[in-house]
């Protein structure tokens, strides 16, 4: 294993991790901002008010994006398994 291979593998793994987490994190961020704007407009300062809408939004995002996320994980894993003989040399 060369340093270039290790660096390339690490970058590919980090890219895959970022792509997997990005849709869920963005939906959680958007839900949090919307609820925070609502709290600021109505002057309701309840900390638990943000939690439930965020949980619901993240759950819905997981349901919507799960097929794409699973396909991405399977492709990454398949790529690792297929290239295993080349890696071992």
PDB file of N, CA and C in Angstrom:
ATOM      1  N   UNK A   1       0.837  -1.180   0.000  1.00  0.00           N
ATOM      2  CA  UNK A   1       0.000   0.000   0.000  1.00  0.00           C
ATOM      3  C   UNK A   1       0.882   1.243   0.000  1.00  0.00           C
ATOM      4  N   UNK A   2       0.621   2.073  -0.951  1.00  0.00           N
ATOM      5  CA  UNK A   2       1.397   3.302  -1.056  1.00  0.00           C
ATOM      6  C   UNK A   2       0.690   4.424  -0.300  1.00  0.00           C
ATOM      7  N   UNK A   3       1.424   5.450   0.051  1.00  0.00           N
ATOM      8  CA  UNK A   3       0.787   6.586   0.719  1.00  0.00           C
ATOM      9  C   UNK A   3      -0.300   7.241  -0.144  1.00  0.00           C
ATOM     10  N   UNK A   4      -0.110   7.210  -1.458  1.00  0.00           N
ATOM     11  CA  UNK A   4      -1.118   7.786  -2.352  1.00  0.00           C
ATOM     12  C   UNK A   4      -2.417   6.994  -2.288  1.00  0.00           C
ATOM     13  N   UNK A   5      -2.292   5.665  -2.211  1.00  0.00           N
ATOM     14  CA  UNK A   5      -3.487   4.827  -2.107  1.00  0.00           C
ATOM     15  C   UNK A   5      -4.229   5.100  -0.809  1.00  0.00           C
ATOM     16  N   UNK A   6      -3.491   5.168   0.292  1.00  0.00           N
ATOM     17  CA  UNK A   6      -4.112   5.406   1.592  1.00  0.00           C
ATOM     18  C   UNK A   6      -4.796   6.767   1.608  1.00  0.00           C
ATOM     19  N   UNK A   7      -4.139   7.764   1.064  1.00  0.00           N
ATOM     20  CA  UNK A   7      -4.723   9.102   1.011  1.00  0.00           C
ATOM     21  C   UNK A   7      -5.974   9.122   0.141  1.00  0.00           C
ATOM     22  N   UNK A   8      -5.916   8.465  -1.011  1.00  0.00           N
ATOM     23  CA  UNK A   8      -7.076   8.403  -1.895  1.00  0.00           C
ATOM     24  C   UNK A   8      -8.241   7.662  -1.264  1.00  0.00           C
ATOM     25  N   UNK A   9      -7.944   6.549  -0.581  1.00  0.00           N
ATOM     26  CA  UNK A   9      -8.991   5.791   0.094  1.00  0.00           C
ATOM     27  C   UNK A   9      -9.622   6.611   1.210  1.00  0.00           C
ATOM     28  N   UNK A  10      -8.785   7.304   1.989  1.00  0.00           N
ATOM     29  CA  UNK A  10      -9.285   8.147   3.066  1.00  0.00           C
ATOM     30  C   UNK A  10     -10.169   9.265   2.529  1.00  0.00           C
ATOM     31  N   UNK A  11      -9.750   9.907   1.450  1.00  0.00           N
ATOM     32  CA  UNK A  11     -10.554  10.979   0.866  1.00  0.00           C
ATOM     33  C   UNK A  11     -11.891  10.453   0.339  1.00  0.00           C
ATOM     34  N   UNK A  12     -11.870   9.275  -0.283  1.00  0.00           N
ATOM     35  CA  UNK A  12     -13.114   8.674  -0.784  1.00  0.00           C
ATOM     36  C   UNK A  12     -14.050   8.317   0.371  1.00  0.00           C
ATOM     37  N   UNK A  13     -13.490   7.804   1.456  1.00  0.00           N
ATOM     38  CA  UNK A  13     -14.303   7.464   2.624  1.00  0.00           C
ATOM     39  C   UNK A  13     -14.904   8.716   3.254  1.00  0.00           C
ATOM     40  N   UNK A  14     -14.127   9.778   3.339  1.00  0.00           N
ATOM     41  CA  UNK A  14     -14.641  11.031   3.911  1.00  0.00           C
ATOM     42  C   UNK A  14     -15.712  11.649   3.018  1.00  0.00           C
ATOM     43  N   UNK A  15     -15.514  11.562   1.703  1.00  0.00           N
ATOM     44  CA  UNK A  15     -16.518  12.080   0.770  1.00  0.00           C
ATOM     45  C   UNK A  15     -17.823  11.308   0.905  1.00  0.00           C
ATOM     46  N   UNK A  16     -17.716   9.996   1.024  1.00  0.00           N
ATOM     47  CA  UNK A  16     -18.900   9.166   1.177  1.00  0.00           C
ATOM     48  C   UNK A  16     -19.613   9.488   2.491  1.00  0.00           C
ATOM     49  N   UNK A  17     -18.864   9.649   3.567  1.00  0.00           N
ATOM     50  CA  UNK A  17     -19.465   9.984   4.860  1.00  0.00           C
ATOM     51  C   UNK A  17     -20.162  11.344   4.811  1.00  0.00           C
ATOM     52  N   UNK A  18     -19.543  12.309   4.149  1.00  0.00           N
ATOM     53  CA  UNK A  18     -20.160  13.631   4.033  1.00  0.00           C
ATOM     54  C   UNK A  18     -21.435  13.571   3.192  1.00  0.00           C
ATOM     55  N   UNK A  19     -21.403  12.820   2.096  1.00  0.00           N
ATOM     56  CA  UNK A  19     -22.596  12.694   1.256  1.00  0.00           C
ATOM     57  C   UNK A  19     -23.730  11.982   1.992  1.00  0.00           C
ATOM     58  N   UNK A  20     -23.386  11.001   2.836  1.00  0.00           N
ATOM     59  CA  UNK A  20     -24.410  10.279   3.575  1.00  0.00           C
ATOM     60  C   UNK A  20     -25.056  11.150   4.646  1.00  0.00           C
ATOM     61  N   UNK A  21     -24.290  11.995   5.283  1.00  0.00           N
ATOM     62  CA  UNK A  21     -24.836  12.787   6.389  1.00  0.00           C
ATOM     63  C   UNK A  21     -25.447  14.115   5.958  1.00  0.00           C
ATOM     64  N   UNK A  22     -25.054  14.604   4.797  1.00  0.00           N
ATOM     65  CA  UNK A  22     -25.476  15.937   4.389  1.00  0.00           C
ATOM     66  C   UNK A  22     -26.993  16.134   4.272  1.00  0.00           C
ATOM     67  N   UNK A  23     -27.748  15.260   3.618  1.00  0.00           N
ATOM     68  CA  UNK A  23     -29.188  15.521   3.502  1.00  0.00           C
ATOM     69  C   UNK A  23     -29.894  15.593   4.854  1.00  0.00           C
ATOM     70  N   UNK A  24     -29.541  14.695   5.753  1.00  0.00           N
ATOM     71  CA  UNK A  24     -30.199  14.668   7.066  1.00  0.00           C
ATOM     72  C   UNK A  24     -29.802  15.894   7.882  1.00  0.00           C
ATOM     73  N   UNK A  25     -28.526  16.262   7.842  1.00  0.00           N
ATOM     74  CA  UNK A  25     -28.081  17.435   8.586  1.00  0.00           C
ATOM     75  C   UNK A  25     -28.696  18.722   8.043  1.00  0.00           C
ATOM     76  N   UNK A  26     -28.807  18.828   6.721  1.00  0.00           N
ATOM     77  CA  UNK A  26     -29.407  20.032   6.141  1.00  0.00           C
ATOM     78  C   UNK A  26     -30.881  20.154   6.498  1.00  0.00           C
ATOM     79  N   UNK A  27     -31.603  19.045   6.471  1.00  0.00           N
ATOM     80  CA  UNK A  27     -33.019  19.082   6.842  1.00  0.00           C
ATOM     81  C   UNK A  27     -33.163  19.456   8.314  1.00  0.00           C
ATOM     82  N   UNK A  28     -32.312  18.909   9.178  1.00  0.00           N
ATOM     83  CA  UNK A  28     -32.335  19.276  10.596  1.00  0.00           C
ATOM     84  C   UNK A  28     -32.011  20.744  10.804  1.00  0.00           C
ATOM     85  N   UNK A  29     -31.050  21.253  10.037  1.00  0.00           N
ATOM     86  CA  UNK A  29     -30.685  22.667  10.133  1.00  0.00           C
ATOM     87  C   UNK A  29     -31.840  23.564   9.707  1.00  0.00           C
ATOM     88  N   UNK A  30     -32.460  23.222   8.592  1.00  0.00           N
ATOM     89  CA  UNK A  30     -33.579  24.030   8.095  1.00  0.00           C
ATOM     90  C   UNK A  30     -34.744  24.008   9.083  1.00  0.00           C
ATOM     91  N   UNK A  31     -35.060  22.830   9.622  1.00  0.00           N
ATOM     92  CA  UNK A  31     -36.142  22.732  10.601  1.00  0.00           C
ATOM     93  C   UNK A  31     -35.810  23.548  11.845  1.00  0.00           C
ATOM     94  N   UNK A  32     -34.568  23.496  12.297  1.00  0.00           N
ATOM     95  CA  UNK A  32     -34.167  24.268  13.471  1.00  0.00           C
ATOM     96  C   UNK A  32     -34.260  25.765  13.244  1.00  0.00           C
ATOM     97  N   UNK A  33     -33.865  26.219  12.061  1.00  0.00           N
ATOM     98  CA  UNK A  33     -33.940  27.653  11.761  1.00  0.00           C
ATOM     99  C   UNK A  33     -35.396  28.112  11.687  1.00  0.00           C
ATOM    100  N   UNK A  34     -36.240  27.304  11.062  1.00  0.00           N
ATOM    101  CA  UNK A  34     -37.655  27.683  10.960  1.00  0.00           C
ATOM    102  C   UNK A  34     -38.292  27.774  12.340  1.00  0.00           C
ATOM    103  N   UNK A  35     -38.028  26.798  13.196  1.00  0.00           N
ATOM    104  CA  UNK A  35     -38.596  26.827  14.545  1.00  0.00           C
ATOM    105  C   UNK A  35     -37.999  27.981  15.354  1.00  0.00           C
ATOM    106  N   UNK A  36     -36.725  28.266  15.167  1.00  0.00           N
ATOM    107  CA  UNK A  36     -36.101  29.382  15.882  1.00  0.00           C
ATOM    108  C   UNK A  36     -36.692  30.721  15.453  1.00  0.00           C
ATOM    109  N   UNK A  37     -36.968  30.874  14.157  1.00  0.00           N
ATOM    110  CA  UNK A  37     -37.611  32.109  13.686  1.00  0.00           C
ATOM    111  C   UNK A  37     -39.011  32.222  14.279  1.00  0.00           C
ATOM    112  N   UNK A  38     -39.722  31.097  14.323  1.00  0.00           N
ATOM    113  CA  UNK A  38     -41.057  31.088  14.941  1.00  0.00           C
ATOM    114  C   UNK A  38     -40.968  31.465  16.419  1.00  0.00           C
ATOM    115  N   UNK A  39     -39.993  30.936  17.125  1.00  0.00           N
ATOM    116  CA  UNK A  39     -39.818  31.273  18.539  1.00  0.00           C
ATOM    117  C   UNK A  39     -39.465  32.742  18.721  1.00  0.00           C
ATOM    118  N   UNK A  40     -38.629  33.269  17.850  1.00  0.00           N
ATOM    119  CA  UNK A  40     -38.260  34.676  17.956  1.00  0.00           C
ATOM    120  C   UNK A  40     -39.446  35.577  17.659  1.00  0.00           C
ATOM    121  N   UNK A  41     -40.281  35.174  16.704  1.00  0.00           N
ATOM    122  CA  UNK A  41     -41.437  36.003  16.341  1.00  0.00           C
ATOM    123  C   UNK A  41     -42.500  35.982  17.434  1.00  0.00           C
ATOM    124  N   UNK A  42     -42.669  34.844  18.084  1.00  0.00           N
ATOM    125  CA  UNK A  42     -43.716  34.735  19.111  1.00  0.00           C
ATOM    126  C   UNK A  42     -43.177  34.911  20.518  1.00  0.00           C
ATOM    127  N   UNK A  43     -41.885  35.057  20.683  1.00  0.00           N
ATOM    128  CA  UNK A  43     -41.208  35.215  21.971  1.00  0.00           C
ATOM    129  C   UNK A  43     -41.463  34.038  22.908  1.00  0.00           C
ATOM    130  N   UNK A  44     -41.579  32.863  22.338  1.00  0.00           N
ATOM    131  CA  UNK A  44     -41.674  31.643  23.128  1.00  0.00           C
ATOM    132  C   UNK A  44     -40.254  31.107  23.266  1.00  0.00           C
ATOM    133  N   UNK A  45     -39.745  31.048  24.485  1.00  0.00           N
ATOM    134  CA  UNK A  45     -38.373  30.606  24.706  1.00  0.00           C
ATOM    135  C   UNK A  45     -38.348  29.235  25.362  1.00  0.00           C
ATOM    136  N   UNK A  46     -38.964  28.285  24.724  1.00  0.00           N
ATOM    137  CA  UNK A  46     -38.989  26.920  25.233  1.00  0.00           C
ATOM    138  C   UNK A  46     -37.956  26.098  24.472  1.00  0.00           C
ATOM    139  N   UNK A  47     -36.985  25.536  25.177  1.00  0.00           N
ATOM    140  CA  UNK A  47     -35.904  24.800  24.530  1.00  0.00           C
ATOM    141  C   UNK A  47     -36.393  23.486  23.918  1.00  0.00           C
ATOM    142  N   UNK A  48     -37.391  22.874  24.522  1.00  0.00           N
ATOM    143  CA  UNK A  48     -37.861  21.586  24.005  1.00  0.00           C
ATOM    144  C   UNK A  48     -38.733  21.747  22.767  1.00  0.00           C
ATOM    145  N   UNK A  49     -39.164  22.946  22.459  1.00  0.00           N
ATOM    146  CA  UNK A  49     -39.996  23.178  21.281  1.00  0.00           C
ATOM    147  C   UNK A  49     -39.239  22.882  19.992  1.00  0.00           C
ATOM    148  N   UNK A  50     -37.937  23.033  19.993  1.00  0.00           N
ATOM    149  CA  UNK A  50     -37.128  22.791  18.799  1.00  0.00           C
ATOM    150  C   UNK A  50     -36.929  21.288  18.571  1.00  0.00           C
ATOM    151  N   UNK A  51     -36.904  20.516  19.646  1.00  0.00           N
ATOM    152  CA  UNK A  51     -36.532  19.111  19.551  1.00  0.00           C
ATOM    153  C   UNK A  51     -37.507  18.275  18.726  1.00  0.00           C
ATOM    154  N   UNK A  52     -38.790  18.381  18.985  1.00  0.00           N
ATOM    155  CA  UNK A  52     -39.775  17.524  18.316  1.00  0.00           C
ATOM    156  C   UNK A  52     -39.844  17.801  16.809  1.00  0.00           C
ATOM    157  N   UNK A  53     -39.963  19.057  16.359  1.00  0.00           N
ATOM    158  CA  UNK A  53     -39.972  19.273  14.897  1.00  0.00           C
ATOM    159  C   UNK A  53     -38.688  18.808  14.210  1.00  0.00           C
ATOM    160  N   UNK A  54     -37.538  18.973  14.877  1.00  0.00           N
ATOM    161  CA  UNK A  54     -36.286  18.508  14.293  1.00  0.00           C
ATOM    162  C   UNK A  54     -36.277  16.987  14.176  1.00  0.00           C
ATOM    163  N   UNK A  55     -36.740  16.308  15.217  1.00  0.00           N
ATOM    164  CA  UNK A  55     -36.778  14.845  15.171  1.00  0.00           C
ATOM    165  C   UNK A  55     -37.705  14.356  14.064  1.00  0.00           C
ATOM    166  N   UNK A  56     -38.848  14.992  13.927  1.00  0.00           N
ATOM    167  CA  UNK A  56     -39.785  14.600  12.869  1.00  0.00           C
ATOM    168  C   UNK A  56     -39.178  14.872  11.491  1.00  0.00           C
ATOM    169  N   UNK A  57     -38.563  16.033  11.323  1.00  0.00           N
ATOM    170  CA  UNK A  57     -37.961  16.386  10.034  1.00  0.00           C
ATOM    171  C   UNK A  57     -36.822  15.432   9.681  1.00  0.00           C
ATOM    172  N   UNK A  58     -35.988  15.100  10.646  1.00  0.00           N
ATOM    173  CA  UNK A  58     -34.876  14.178  10.388  1.00  0.00           C
ATOM    174  C   UNK A  58     -35.408  12.784  10.078  1.00  0.00           C
ATOM    175  N   UNK A  59     -36.449  12.349  10.777  1.00  0.00           N
ATOM    176  CA  UNK A  59     -37.052  11.045  10.483  1.00  0.00           C
ATOM    177  C   UNK A  59     -37.620  10.984   9.079  1.00  0.00           C
ATOM    178  N   UNK A  60     -38.304  12.033   8.666  1.00  0.00           N
ATOM    179  CA  UNK A  60     -38.856  12.087   7.309  1.00  0.00           C
ATOM    180  C   UNK A  60     -37.728  12.115   6.271  1.00  0.00           C
ATOM    181  N   UNK A  61     -36.666  12.882   6.568  1.00  0.00           N
ATOM    182  CA  UNK A  61     -35.525  12.932   5.648  1.00  0.00           C
ATOM    183  C   UNK A  61     -34.874  11.558   5.516  1.00  0.00           C
ATOM    184  N   UNK A  62     -34.767  10.834   6.624  1.00  0.00           N
ATOM    185  CA  UNK A  62     -34.197   9.488   6.548  1.00  0.00           C
ATOM    186  C   UNK A  62     -35.063   8.565   5.699  1.00  0.00           C
ATOM    187  N   UNK A  63     -36.365   8.667   5.850  1.00  0.00           N
ATOM    188  CA  UNK A  63     -37.266   7.834   5.048  1.00  0.00           C
ATOM    189  C   UNK A  63     -37.135   8.186   3.560  1.00  0.00           C
ATOM    190  N   UNK A  64     -37.061   9.463   3.252  1.00  0.00           N
ATOM    191  CA  UNK A  64     -36.992   9.895   1.853  1.00  0.00           C
ATOM    192  C   UNK A  64     -35.643   9.557   1.227  1.00  0.00           C
ATOM    193  N   UNK A  65     -34.550   9.824   1.949  1.00  0.00           N
ATOM    194  CA  UNK A  65     -33.213   9.661   1.378  1.00  0.00           C
ATOM    195  C   UNK A  65     -32.606   8.286   1.612  1.00  0.00           C
ATOM    196  N   UNK A  66     -33.280   7.396   2.342  1.00  0.00           N
ATOM    197  CA  UNK A  66     -32.697   6.095   2.660  1.00  0.00           C
ATOM    198  C   UNK A  66     -32.324   5.273   1.431  1.00  0.00           C
ATOM    199  N   UNK A  67     -33.171   5.178   0.404  1.00  0.00           N
ATOM    200  CA  UNK A  67     -32.752   4.382  -0.765  1.00  0.00           C
ATOM    201  C   UNK A  67     -31.464   4.904  -1.410  1.00  0.00           C
ATOM    202  N   UNK A  68     -31.355   6.207  -1.547  1.00  0.00           N
ATOM    203  CA  UNK A  68     -30.151   6.795  -2.127  1.00  0.00           C
ATOM    204  C   UNK A  68     -28.940   6.558  -1.225  1.00  0.00           C
ATOM    205  N   UNK A  69     -29.123   6.705   0.089  1.00  0.00           N
ATOM    206  CA  UNK A  69     -28.035   6.496   1.034  1.00  0.00           C
ATOM    207  C   UNK A  69     -27.570   5.035   1.017  1.00  0.00           C
ATOM    208  N   UNK A  70     -28.527   4.110   0.951  1.00  0.00           N
ATOM    209  CA  UNK A  70     -28.173   2.696   0.913  1.00  0.00           C
ATOM    210  C   UNK A  70     -27.424   2.355  -0.376  1.00  0.00           C
ATOM    211  N   UNK A  71     -27.872   2.922  -1.492  1.00  0.00           N
ATOM    212  CA  UNK A  71     -27.181   2.690  -2.765  1.00  0.00           C
ATOM    213  C   UNK A  71     -25.748   3.214  -2.713  1.00  0.00           C
ATOM    214  N   UNK A  72     -25.558   4.373  -2.112  1.00  0.00           N
ATOM    215  CA  UNK A  72     -24.226   4.949  -1.982  1.00  0.00           C
ATOM    216  C   UNK A  72     -23.329   4.070  -1.107  1.00  0.00           C
ATOM    217  N   UNK A  73     -23.864   3.568   0.003  1.00  0.00           N
ATOM    218  CA  UNK A  73     -23.079   2.703   0.882  1.00  0.00           C
ATOM    219  C   UNK A  73     -22.736   1.376   0.203  1.00  0.00           C
ATOM    220  N   UNK A  74     -23.695   0.810  -0.515  1.00  0.00           N
ATOM    221  CA  UNK A  74     -23.454  -0.462  -1.205  1.00  0.00           C
ATOM    222  C   UNK A  74     -22.407  -0.276  -2.302  1.00  0.00           C
ATOM    223  N   UNK A  75     -22.484   0.819  -3.055  1.00  0.00           N
ATOM    224  CA  UNK A  75     -21.485   1.075  -4.100  1.00  0.00           C
ATOM    225  C   UNK A  75     -20.086   1.243  -3.515  1.00  0.00           C
ATOM    226  N   UNK A  76     -19.992   1.955  -2.398  1.00  0.00           N
ATOM    227  CA  UNK A  76     -18.693   2.150  -1.754  1.00  0.00           C
ATOM    228  C   UNK A  76     -18.130   0.816  -1.272  1.00  0.00           C
ATOM    229  N   UNK A  77     -18.983   0.019  -0.627  1.00  0.00           N
ATOM    230  CA  UNK A  77     -18.545  -1.282  -0.123  1.00  0.00           C
ATOM    231  C   UNK A  77     -18.177  -2.218  -1.265  1.00  0.00           C
ATOM    232  N   UNK A  78     -18.982  -2.221  -2.330  1.00  0.00           N
ATOM    233  CA  UNK A  78     -18.686  -3.062  -3.490  1.00  0.00           C
ATOM    234  C   UNK A  78     -17.346  -2.664  -4.109  1.00  0.00           C
ATOM    235  N   UNK A  79     -17.089  -1.381  -4.189  1.00  0.00           N
ATOM    236  CA  UNK A  79     -15.826  -0.891  -4.737  1.00  0.00           C
ATOM    237  C   UNK A  79     -14.645  -1.361  -3.890  1.00  0.00           C
ATOM    238  N   UNK A  80     -14.809  -1.355  -2.582  1.00  0.00           N
ATOM    239  CA  UNK A  80     -13.743  -1.827  -1.701  1.00  0.00           C
ATOM    240  C   UNK A  80     -13.507  -3.316  -1.913  1.00  0.00           C
ATOM    241  N   UNK A  81     -14.578  -4.107  -1.978  1.00  0.00           N
ATOM    242  CA  UNK A  81     -14.441  -5.566  -2.123  1.00  0.00           C
ATOM    243  C   UNK A  81     -13.860  -5.929  -3.482  1.00  0.00           C
ATOM    244  N   UNK A  82     -14.303  -5.249  -4.533  1.00  0.00           N
ATOM    245  CA  UNK A  82     -13.795  -5.551  -5.879  1.00  0.00           C
ATOM    246  C   UNK A  82     -12.315  -5.215  -5.982  1.00  0.00           C
ATOM    247  N   UNK A  83     -11.885  -4.134  -5.372  1.00  0.00           N
ATOM    248  CA  UNK A  83     -10.490  -3.707  -5.467  1.00  0.00           C
ATOM    249  C   UNK A  83      -9.594  -4.316  -4.394  1.00  0.00           C
ATOM    250  N   UNK A  84     -10.137  -5.231  -3.597  1.00  0.00           N
ATOM    251  CA  UNK A  84      -9.351  -5.854  -2.535  1.00  0.00           C
ATOM    252  C   UNK A  84      -8.128  -6.614  -3.067  1.00  0.00           C
ATOM    253  N   UNK A  85      -8.247  -7.401  -4.137  1.00  0.00           N
ATOM    254  CA  UNK A  85      -7.029  -8.076  -4.630  1.00  0.00           C
ATOM    255  C   UNK A  85      -5.942  -7.108  -5.081  1.00  0.00           C
ATOM    256  N   UNK A  86      -6.326  -6.000  -5.655  1.00  0.00           N
ATOM    257  CA  UNK A  86      -5.344  -5.004  -6.079  1.00  0.00           C
ATOM    258  C   UNK A  86      -4.690  -4.352  -4.853  1.00  0.00           C
ATOM    259  N   UNK A  87      -5.486  -4.156  -3.804  1.00  0.00           N
ATOM    260  CA  UNK A  87      -5.000  -3.510  -2.587  1.00  0.00           C
ATOM    261  C   UNK A  87      -3.996  -4.384  -1.846  1.00  0.00           C
ATOM    262  N   UNK A  88      -4.225  -5.676  -1.844  1.00  0.00           N
ATOM    263  CA  UNK A  88      -3.380  -6.581  -1.083  1.00  0.00           C
ATOM    264  C   UNK A  88      -1.978  -6.678  -1.676  1.00  0.00           C
ATOM    265  N   UNK A  89      -1.858  -6.540  -2.966  1.00  0.00           N
ATOM    266  CA  UNK A  89      -0.535  -6.659  -3.615  1.00  0.00           C
ATOM    267  C   UNK A  89       0.452  -5.666  -3.120  1.00  0.00           C
TER     268      UNK A  89
END
